[in-house]
C-alpha atoms as a PDB file:
ATOM      1  CA  MET A   1      18.008   9.967  15.853  1.00  0.00           C
ATOM      2  CA  GLU A   2      15.437   7.626  14.294  1.00  0.00           C
ATOM      3  CA  ASP A   3      13.026  10.514  13.617  1.00  0.00           C
ATOM      4  CA  ASP A   4      15.719  12.264  11.578  1.00  0.00           C
ATOM      5  CA  ARG A   5      16.442   9.251   9.414  1.00  0.00           C
ATOM      6  CA  PHE A   6      12.834   8.112   8.845  1.00  0.00           C
ATOM      7  CA  TYR A   7      11.670   8.973   5.324  1.00  0.00           C
ATOM      8  CA  PHE A   8       7.948   8.930   4.507  1.00  0.00           C
ATOM      9  CA  ARG A   9       5.986  10.396   1.592  1.00  0.00           C
ATOM     10  CA  GLN A  10       2.252  10.088   0.888  1.00  0.00           C
ATOM     11  CA  LEU A  11       1.693  10.560  -2.857  1.00  0.00           C
ATOM     12  CA  LEU A  12      -1.715  11.073  -4.505  1.00  0.00           C
ATOM     13  CA  SER A  13      -2.502   9.995  -8.071  1.00  0.00           C
ATOM     14  CA  GLY A  14      -3.405  12.890 -10.348  1.00  0.00           C
ATOM     15  CA  ARG A  15      -1.671  15.379  -8.039  1.00  0.00           C
ATOM     16  CA  ASP A  16       1.792  14.061  -7.182  1.00  0.00           C
ATOM     17  CA  PHE A  17       2.105  11.525 -10.010  1.00  0.00           C
ATOM     18  CA  ALA A  18       0.139  10.641 -13.153  1.00  0.00           C
ATOM     19  CA  VAL A  19      -0.742  14.320 -13.454  1.00  0.00           C
ATOM     20  CA  GLY A  20      -3.154  14.870 -16.342  1.00  0.00           C
ATOM     21  CA  ASP A  21      -4.441  11.281 -16.280  1.00  0.00           C
ATOM     22  CA  ASN A  22      -8.163  11.720 -15.693  1.00  0.00           C
ATOM     23  CA  PHE A  23      -8.712   8.108 -14.648  1.00  0.00           C
ATOM     24  CA  ALA A  24      -5.863   8.253 -12.126  1.00  0.00           C
ATOM     25  CA  THR A  25      -7.250  11.524 -10.793  1.00  0.00           C
ATOM     26  CA  GLN A  26     -10.723   9.996 -10.366  1.00  0.00           C
ATOM     27  CA  MET A  27      -9.353   6.922  -8.569  1.00  0.00           C
ATOM     28  CA  VAL A  28      -7.463   9.006  -5.954  1.00  0.00           C
ATOM     29  CA  ASN A  29      -4.952   6.253  -5.224  1.00  0.00           C
ATOM     30  CA  PHE A  30      -2.257   6.799  -2.635  1.00  0.00           C
ATOM     31  CA  SER A  31       1.227   5.426  -3.102  1.00  0.00           C
ATOM     32  CA  TYR A  32       3.774   5.691  -0.306  1.00  0.00           C
ATOM     33  CA  ALA A  33       7.547   5.963  -0.090  1.00  0.00           C
ATOM     34  CA  ILE A  34       9.141   4.634   3.099  1.00  0.00           C
ATOM     35  CA  GLY A  35      12.838   4.610   3.811  1.00  0.00           C
ATOM     36  CA  ASP A  36      15.981   5.494   5.713  1.00  0.00           C
ATOM     37  CA  ARG A  37      17.501   8.885   4.959  1.00  0.00           C
ATOM     38  CA  SER A  38      20.843   7.823   6.408  1.00  0.00           C
ATOM     39  CA  THR A  39      21.305   4.991   3.919  1.00  0.00           C
ATOM     40  CA  GLY A  40      19.336   6.684   1.130  1.00  0.00           C
ATOM     41  CA  GLU A  41      17.227   3.552   0.603  1.00  0.00           C
ATOM     42  CA  CYS A  42      13.444   3.393   0.269  1.00  0.00           C
ATOM     43  CA  VAL A  43      10.576   1.189  -0.846  1.00  0.00           C
ATOM     44  CA  LEU A  44       7.402   2.157  -2.680  1.00  0.00           C
ATOM     45  CA  VAL A  45       3.997   0.948  -1.531  1.00  0.00           C
ATOM     46  CA  ASP A  46       1.585   0.196  -4.388  1.00  0.00           C
ATOM     47  CA  PRO A  47       3.363   1.898  -7.306  1.00  0.00           C
ATOM     48  CA  ALA A  48       0.931   2.203 -10.217  1.00  0.00           C
ATOM     49  CA  TRP A  49      -0.390   4.579 -12.880  1.00  0.00           C
ATOM     50  CA  ALA A  50       2.937   6.334 -13.608  1.00  0.00           C
ATOM     51  CA  VAL A  51       5.862   4.424 -12.144  1.00  0.00           C
ATOM     52  CA  ARG A  52       8.529   6.659 -13.675  1.00  0.00           C
ATOM     53  CA  ASP A  53       6.920   9.631 -11.929  1.00  0.00           C
ATOM     54  CA  LEU A  54       7.137   7.797  -8.594  1.00  0.00           C
ATOM     55  CA  ILE A  55      10.743   6.773  -9.173  1.00  0.00           C
ATOM     56  CA  GLY A  56      11.492  10.389 -10.052  1.00  0.00           C
ATOM     57  CA  VAL A  57       9.924  11.655  -6.821  1.00  0.00           C
ATOM     58  CA  VAL A  58      12.112   9.503  -4.582  1.00  0.00           C
ATOM     59  CA  GLU A  59      15.231  10.140  -6.656  1.00  0.00           C
ATOM     60  CA  ALA A  60      14.619  13.892  -6.383  1.00  0.00           C
ATOM     61  CA  ASP A  61      14.634  13.376  -2.612  1.00  0.00           C
ATOM     62  CA  GLY A  62      18.041  11.722  -2.878  1.00  0.00           C
ATOM     63  CA  MET A  63      16.631   8.250  -2.255  1.00  0.00           C
ATOM     64  CA  SER A  64      17.304   4.988  -4.076  1.00  0.00           C
ATOM     65  CA  LEU A  65      14.493   2.492  -4.658  1.00  0.00           C
ATOM     66  CA  VAL A  66      15.324  -0.952  -3.245  1.00  0.00           C
ATOM     67  CA  GLY A  67      11.927  -2.657  -3.146  1.00  0.00           C
ATOM     68  CA  VAL A  68       8.150  -2.585  -3.477  1.00  0.00           C
ATOM     69  CA  LEU A  69       5.501  -3.453  -0.906  1.00  0.00           C
ATOM     70  CA  ALA A  70       2.172  -4.538  -2.411  1.00  0.00           C
ATOM     71  CA  THR A  71      -0.940  -4.210  -0.249  1.00  0.00           C
ATOM     72  CA  HIS A  72      -3.038  -6.350  -2.620  1.00  0.00           C
ATOM     73  CA  TYR A  73      -3.408  -7.458  -6.209  1.00  0.00           C
ATOM     74  CA  HIS A  74      -5.922  -4.952  -7.638  1.00  0.00           C
ATOM     75  CA  ALA A  75      -4.777  -3.211 -10.812  1.00  0.00           C
ATOM     76  CA  ASP A  76      -5.059   0.329  -9.481  1.00  0.00           C
ATOM     77  CA  HIS A  77      -2.440  -0.608  -6.858  1.00  0.00           C
ATOM     78  CA  VAL A  78       0.006  -2.860  -8.752  1.00  0.00           C
ATOM     79  CA  GLY A  79      -0.951  -2.522 -12.421  1.00  0.00           C
ATOM     80  CA  GLY A  80      -3.109  -4.472 -14.813  1.00  0.00           C
ATOM     81  CA  SER A  81      -6.460  -4.010 -16.539  1.00  0.00           C
ATOM     82  CA  ILE A  82      -9.532  -2.415 -15.010  1.00  0.00           C
ATOM     83  CA  MET A  83     -12.741  -1.296 -16.751  1.00  0.00           C
ATOM     84  CA  GLY A  84     -11.075  -1.570 -20.147  1.00  0.00           C
ATOM     85  CA  HIS A  85      -8.080   0.530 -19.138  1.00  0.00           C
ATOM     86  CA  HIS A  86      -4.526  -0.719 -18.802  1.00  0.00           C
ATOM     87  CA  ILE A  87      -2.710   0.626 -15.755  1.00  0.00           C
ATOM     88  CA  GLU A  88       1.046   0.288 -15.562  1.00  0.00           C
ATOM     89  CA  GLY A  89       2.454  -0.977 -12.297  1.00  0.00           C
ATOM     90  CA  VAL A  90       5.082  -3.267 -10.857  1.00  0.00           C
ATOM     91  CA  ALA A  91       5.892  -4.985 -14.177  1.00  0.00           C
ATOM     92  CA  ALA A  92       6.734  -1.597 -15.711  1.00  0.00           C
ATOM     93  CA  LEU A  93       8.671  -0.583 -12.611  1.00  0.00           C
ATOM     94  CA  LEU A  94      10.887  -3.668 -12.886  1.00  0.00           C
ATOM     95  CA  GLU A  95      11.930  -2.483 -16.357  1.00  0.00           C
ATOM     96  CA  HIS A  96      13.561   0.521 -14.666  1.00  0.00           C
ATOM     97  CA  VAL A  97      14.646  -0.842 -11.279  1.00  0.00           C
ATOM     98  CA  ASP A  98      15.614  -4.407 -10.396  1.00  0.00           C
ATOM     99  CA  CYS A  99      14.135  -4.874  -6.926  1.00  0.00           C
ATOM    100  CA  PRO A 100      12.012  -7.375  -4.957  1.00  0.00           C
ATOM    101  CA  ILE A 101       8.215  -7.124  -4.844  1.00  0.00           C
ATOM    102  CA  HIS A 102       7.089  -8.037  -1.324  1.00  0.00           C
ATOM    103  CA  VAL A 103       3.643  -9.641  -1.166  1.00  0.00           C
ATOM    104  CA  GLN A 104       1.659 -11.702   1.311  1.00  0.00           C
ATOM    105  CA  GLU A 105       1.848 -15.399   0.418  1.00  0.00           C
ATOM    106  CA  ALA A 106      -1.887 -15.812  -0.261  1.00  0.00           C
ATOM    107  CA  GLU A 107      -1.742 -12.960  -2.788  1.00  0.00           C
ATOM    108  CA  VAL A 108       1.000 -14.417  -5.002  1.00  0.00           C
ATOM    109  CA  PRO A 109      -1.189 -16.200  -7.614  1.00  0.00           C
ATOM    110  CA  TRP A 110      -3.588 -13.261  -7.790  1.00  0.00           C
ATOM    111  CA  LEU A 111      -0.774 -10.766  -8.342  1.00  0.00           C
ATOM    112  CA  GLU A 112       0.802 -12.981 -10.999  1.00  0.00           C
ATOM    113  CA  ARG A 113      -2.448 -13.015 -12.998  1.00  0.00           C
ATOM    114  CA  THR A 114      -3.219  -9.315 -12.586  1.00  0.00           C
ATOM    115  CA  ALA A 115       0.104  -7.495 -12.690  1.00  0.00           C
ATOM    116  CA  GLY A 116       1.959  -9.521 -15.309  1.00  0.00           C
ATOM    117  CA  VAL A 117       4.839 -10.599 -13.084  1.00  0.00           C
ATOM    118  CA  THR A 118       6.236 -14.048 -12.381  1.00  0.00           C
ATOM    119  CA  GLN A 119       6.522 -15.831  -9.058  1.00  0.00           C
ATOM    120  CA  SER A 120      10.306 -15.496  -9.251  1.00  0.00           C
ATOM    121  CA  GLN A 121       9.924 -11.702  -9.177  1.00  0.00           C
ATOM    122  CA  LEU A 122       7.889 -11.823  -5.971  1.00  0.00           C
ATOM    123  CA  VAL A 123       8.990 -12.320  -2.383  1.00  0.00           C
ATOM    124  CA  SER A 124       6.170 -14.012  -0.452  1.00  0.00           C
ATOM    125  CA  HIS A 125       5.695 -13.310   3.246  1.00  0.00           C
ATOM    126  CA  GLN A 126       3.947 -14.701   6.282  1.00  0.00           C
ATOM    127  CA  PRO A 127       1.888 -12.581   8.709  1.00  0.00           C
ATOM    128  CA  GLY A 128       4.147 -10.632  11.042  1.00  0.00           C
ATOM    129  CA  ASP A 129       7.214 -10.697   8.804  1.00  0.00           C
ATOM    130  CA  VAL A 130       9.426  -7.616   8.934  1.00  0.00           C
ATOM    131  CA  VAL A 131      10.974  -5.919   5.901  1.00  0.00           C
ATOM    132  CA  SER A 132      13.892  -3.673   6.828  1.00  0.00           C
ATOM    133  CA  VAL A 133      14.969  -0.654   4.800  1.00  0.00           C
ATOM    134  CA  GLY A 134      18.238   0.462   6.285  1.00  0.00           C
ATOM    135  CA  ALA A 135      17.442   0.734   9.997  1.00  0.00           C
ATOM    136  CA  ILE A 136      13.695   1.203   9.394  1.00  0.00           C
ATOM    137  CA  ASP A 137      11.635  -1.908  10.189  1.00  0.00           C
ATOM    138  CA  ILE A 138       8.264  -2.359   8.470  1.00  0.00           C
ATOM    139  CA  THR A 139       5.955  -4.991   9.980  1.00  0.00           C
ATOM    140  CA  LEU A 140       3.643  -6.779   7.544  1.00  0.00           C
ATOM    141  CA  VAL A 141       0.130  -7.203   8.958  1.00  0.00           C
ATOM    142  CA  HIS A 142      -2.030  -9.751   7.122  1.00  0.00           C
ATOM    143  CA  THR A 143      -5.593  -8.396   6.839  1.00  0.00           C
ATOM    144  CA  PRO A 144      -7.605 -10.672   4.512  1.00  0.00           C
ATOM    145  CA  GLY A 145     -11.107  -9.762   3.476  1.00  0.00           C
ATOM    146  CA  HIS A 146     -10.834  -7.327   0.593  1.00  0.00           C
ATOM    147  CA  THR A 147      -8.548  -9.905  -1.026  1.00  0.00           C
ATOM    148  CA  PRO A 148      -7.034 -13.139   0.345  1.00  0.00           C
ATOM    149  CA  GLY A 149      -3.583 -11.639   0.861  1.00  0.00           C
ATOM    150  CA  SER A 150      -4.386  -8.025   1.672  1.00  0.00           C
ATOM    151  CA  GLN A 151      -1.788  -6.632   4.026  1.00  0.00           C
ATOM    152  CA  CYS A 152      -1.122  -3.438   5.958  1.00  0.00           C
ATOM    153  CA  PHE A 153       2.258  -2.031   6.907  1.00  0.00           C
ATOM    154  CA  LEU A 154       3.042  -0.851  10.417  1.00  0.00           C
ATOM    155  CA  VAL A 155       6.012   1.501  10.621  1.00  0.00           C
ATOM    156  CA  HIS A 156       7.050   4.332  12.911  1.00  0.00           C
ATOM    157  CA  ASP A 157       3.599   4.979  14.454  1.00  0.00           C
ATOM    158  CA  ARG A 158       1.913   4.744  11.038  1.00  0.00           C
ATOM    159  CA  LEU A 159      -0.417   2.125   9.575  1.00  0.00           C
ATOM    160  CA  VAL A 160      -0.401   2.061   5.771  1.00  0.00           C
ATOM    161  CA  ALA A 161      -3.616   0.145   5.185  1.00  0.00           C
ATOM    162  CA  GLY A 162      -4.180  -0.173   1.437  1.00  0.00           C
ATOM    163  CA  ASP A 163      -7.852  -0.950   0.800  1.00  0.00           C
ATOM    164  CA  THR A 164      -8.421  -2.822   4.054  1.00  0.00           C
ATOM    165  CA  LEU A 165      -9.416   0.267   6.019  1.00  0.00           C
ATOM    166  CA  PHE A 166     -10.243   3.829   5.044  1.00  0.00           C
ATOM    167  CA  LEU A 167     -10.930   6.797   7.296  1.00  0.00           C
ATOM    168  CA  ASP A 168     -14.586   6.156   6.433  1.00  0.00           C
ATOM    169  CA  GLY A 169     -15.566   2.577   5.637  1.00  0.00           C
ATOM    170  CA  CYS A 170     -13.457  -0.373   4.544  1.00  0.00           C
ATOM    171  CA  GLY A 171     -12.601  -2.264   1.382  1.00  0.00           C
ATOM    172  CA  ARG A 172     -15.313  -3.969  -0.679  1.00  0.00           C
ATOM    173  CA  THR A 173     -16.058  -7.619  -0.019  1.00  0.00           C
ATOM    174  CA  ASP A 174     -18.018  -8.409  -3.192  1.00  0.00           C
ATOM    175  CA  LEU A 175     -15.035  -8.822  -5.528  1.00  0.00           C
ATOM    176  CA  PRO A 176     -13.121 -11.961  -6.626  1.00  0.00           C
ATOM    177  CA  GLY A 177     -11.224 -13.300  -3.630  1.00  0.00           C
ATOM    178  CA  SER A 178     -13.143 -11.184  -1.129  1.00  0.00           C
ATOM    179  CA  ASP A 179     -14.459 -12.659   2.123  1.00  0.00           C
ATOM    180  CA  PRO A 180     -16.838 -10.671   4.365  1.00  0.00           C
ATOM    181  CA  GLN A 181     -16.161 -12.852   7.415  1.00  0.00           C
ATOM    182  CA  ALA A 182     -12.408 -12.516   6.976  1.00  0.00           C
ATOM    183  CA  MET A 183     -12.824  -8.745   6.674  1.00  0.00           C
ATOM    184  CA  MET A 184     -14.788  -8.698   9.929  1.00  0.00           C
ATOM    185  CA  GLU A 185     -11.955 -10.533  11.676  1.00  0.00           C
ATOM    186  CA  SER A 186      -9.364  -8.211  10.181  1.00  0.00           C
ATOM    187  CA  LEU A 187     -11.297  -5.161  11.358  1.00  0.00           C
ATOM    188  CA  ARG A 188     -11.586  -6.649  14.844  1.00  0.00           C
ATOM    189  CA  MET A 189      -7.823  -7.054  14.879  1.00  0.00           C
ATOM    190  CA  LEU A 190      -7.215  -3.508  13.629  1.00  0.00           C
ATOM    191  CA  SER A 191      -9.541  -2.175  16.343  1.00  0.00           C
ATOM    192  CA  THR A 192      -6.893  -3.207  18.879  1.00  0.00           C
ATOM    193  CA  ILE A 193      -4.185  -1.032  17.342  1.00  0.00           C
ATOM    194  CA  ASP A 194      -3.063   1.833  19.568  1.00  0.00           C
ATOM    195  CA  ASP A 195      -5.137   5.000  19.228  1.00  0.00           C
ATOM    196  CA  ASN A 196      -2.035   7.102  18.544  1.00  0.00           C
ATOM    197  CA  ILE A 197      -1.089   5.149  15.420  1.00  0.00           C
ATOM    198  CA  VAL A 198      -1.948   7.235  12.337  1.00  0.00           C
ATOM    199  CA  LEU A 199      -3.948   5.534   9.581  1.00  0.00           C
ATOM    200  CA  PHE A 200      -2.806   6.153   5.997  1.00  0.00           C
ATOM    201  CA  PRO A 201      -5.319   4.581   3.558  1.00  0.00           C
ATOM    202  CA  GLY A 202      -4.996   3.391  -0.035  1.00  0.00           C
ATOM    203  CA  HIS A 203      -7.376   6.034  -1.434  1.00  0.00           C
ATOM    204  CA  GLN A 204      -8.365   9.538  -0.437  1.00  0.00           C
ATOM    205  CA  TYR A 205     -12.055   8.843   0.016  1.00  0.00           C
ATOM    206  CA  SER A 206     -12.324  11.407   2.842  1.00  0.00           C
ATOM    207  CA  PRO A 207     -11.370  15.087   3.011  1.00  0.00           C
ATOM    208  CA  ALA A 208      -8.455  14.303   5.324  1.00  0.00           C
ATOM    209  CA  PRO A 209      -5.585  12.182   3.920  1.00  0.00           C
ATOM    210  CA  CYS A 210      -4.893  10.463   7.254  1.00  0.00           C
ATOM    211  CA  ALA A 211      -6.118  10.335  10.855  1.00  0.00           C
ATOM    212  CA  PRO A 212      -5.193   8.813  14.228  1.00  0.00           C
ATOM    213  CA  MET A 213      -6.698   5.387  14.808  1.00  0.00           C
ATOM    214  CA  GLY A 214      -8.397   6.678  17.955  1.00  0.00           C
ATOM    215  CA  LEU A 215     -10.432   9.094  15.846  1.00  0.00           C
ATOM    216  CA  VAL A 216     -11.094   6.492  13.137  1.00  0.00           C
ATOM    217  CA  LYS A 217     -12.463   4.079  15.753  1.00  0.00           C
ATOM    218  CA  GLN A 218     -14.856   6.764  16.975  1.00  0.00           C
ATOM    219  CA  THR A 219     -16.084   7.974  13.578  1.00  0.00           C
ATOM    220  CA  ASN A 220     -15.810   5.085  11.110  1.00  0.00           C
ATOM    221  CA  PHE A 221     -19.062   3.125  11.031  1.00  0.00           C
ATOM    222  CA  VAL A 222     -17.256  -0.215  10.601  1.00  0.00           C
ATOM    223  CA  PHE A 223     -16.147   0.030  14.231  1.00  0.00           C
ATOM    224  CA  GLN A 224     -19.574   0.887  15.615  1.00  0.00           C
ATOM    225  CA  HIS A 225     -20.762  -2.726  15.971  1.00  0.00           C
END
């Protein structure tokens, strides 16, 4: 059955990986592992801070890493420099595992500059593309606003939303590449997602780590207008 083969892990920085890194603990980043237990293949969403820890987590589960899905280019999600700190990310991961980095097309130049990877190491996608891991299909949902190529991942009644949408609030729109009007349109689109889909954000900014979209629509102020 599909439920038996679907593999999904929500991993919190400072708790599940990068333990002892005070900055990682403060940033409360989520990374996700998504895969197919039957084939033993998985991808990591936004691997940063301690990539060897993340690789170790999935390998301990008997899974093999075959790709990366990047929600957006910011250093705390894919590696780079932030506030004078260097954060390891996809460039460091590629030193351990040779795999594609899936990114929305508009995000390619931003990710190149931030994460220290080349265009040849990235696989660019259009809105609505599907990345398959074994028999598990992951739909790429383009949600610009926080960054030009921000994307969410829809898989098995889950929406992995990066910094586009949190349980409370949404991503900032005052950063390089941000666009408040584009964010408004992205939020309008996300408001049409089925209430039973569970939102998994890019940071744990709320007590709960996830919530059904029906509840998020009722309680998150960004949907009140």
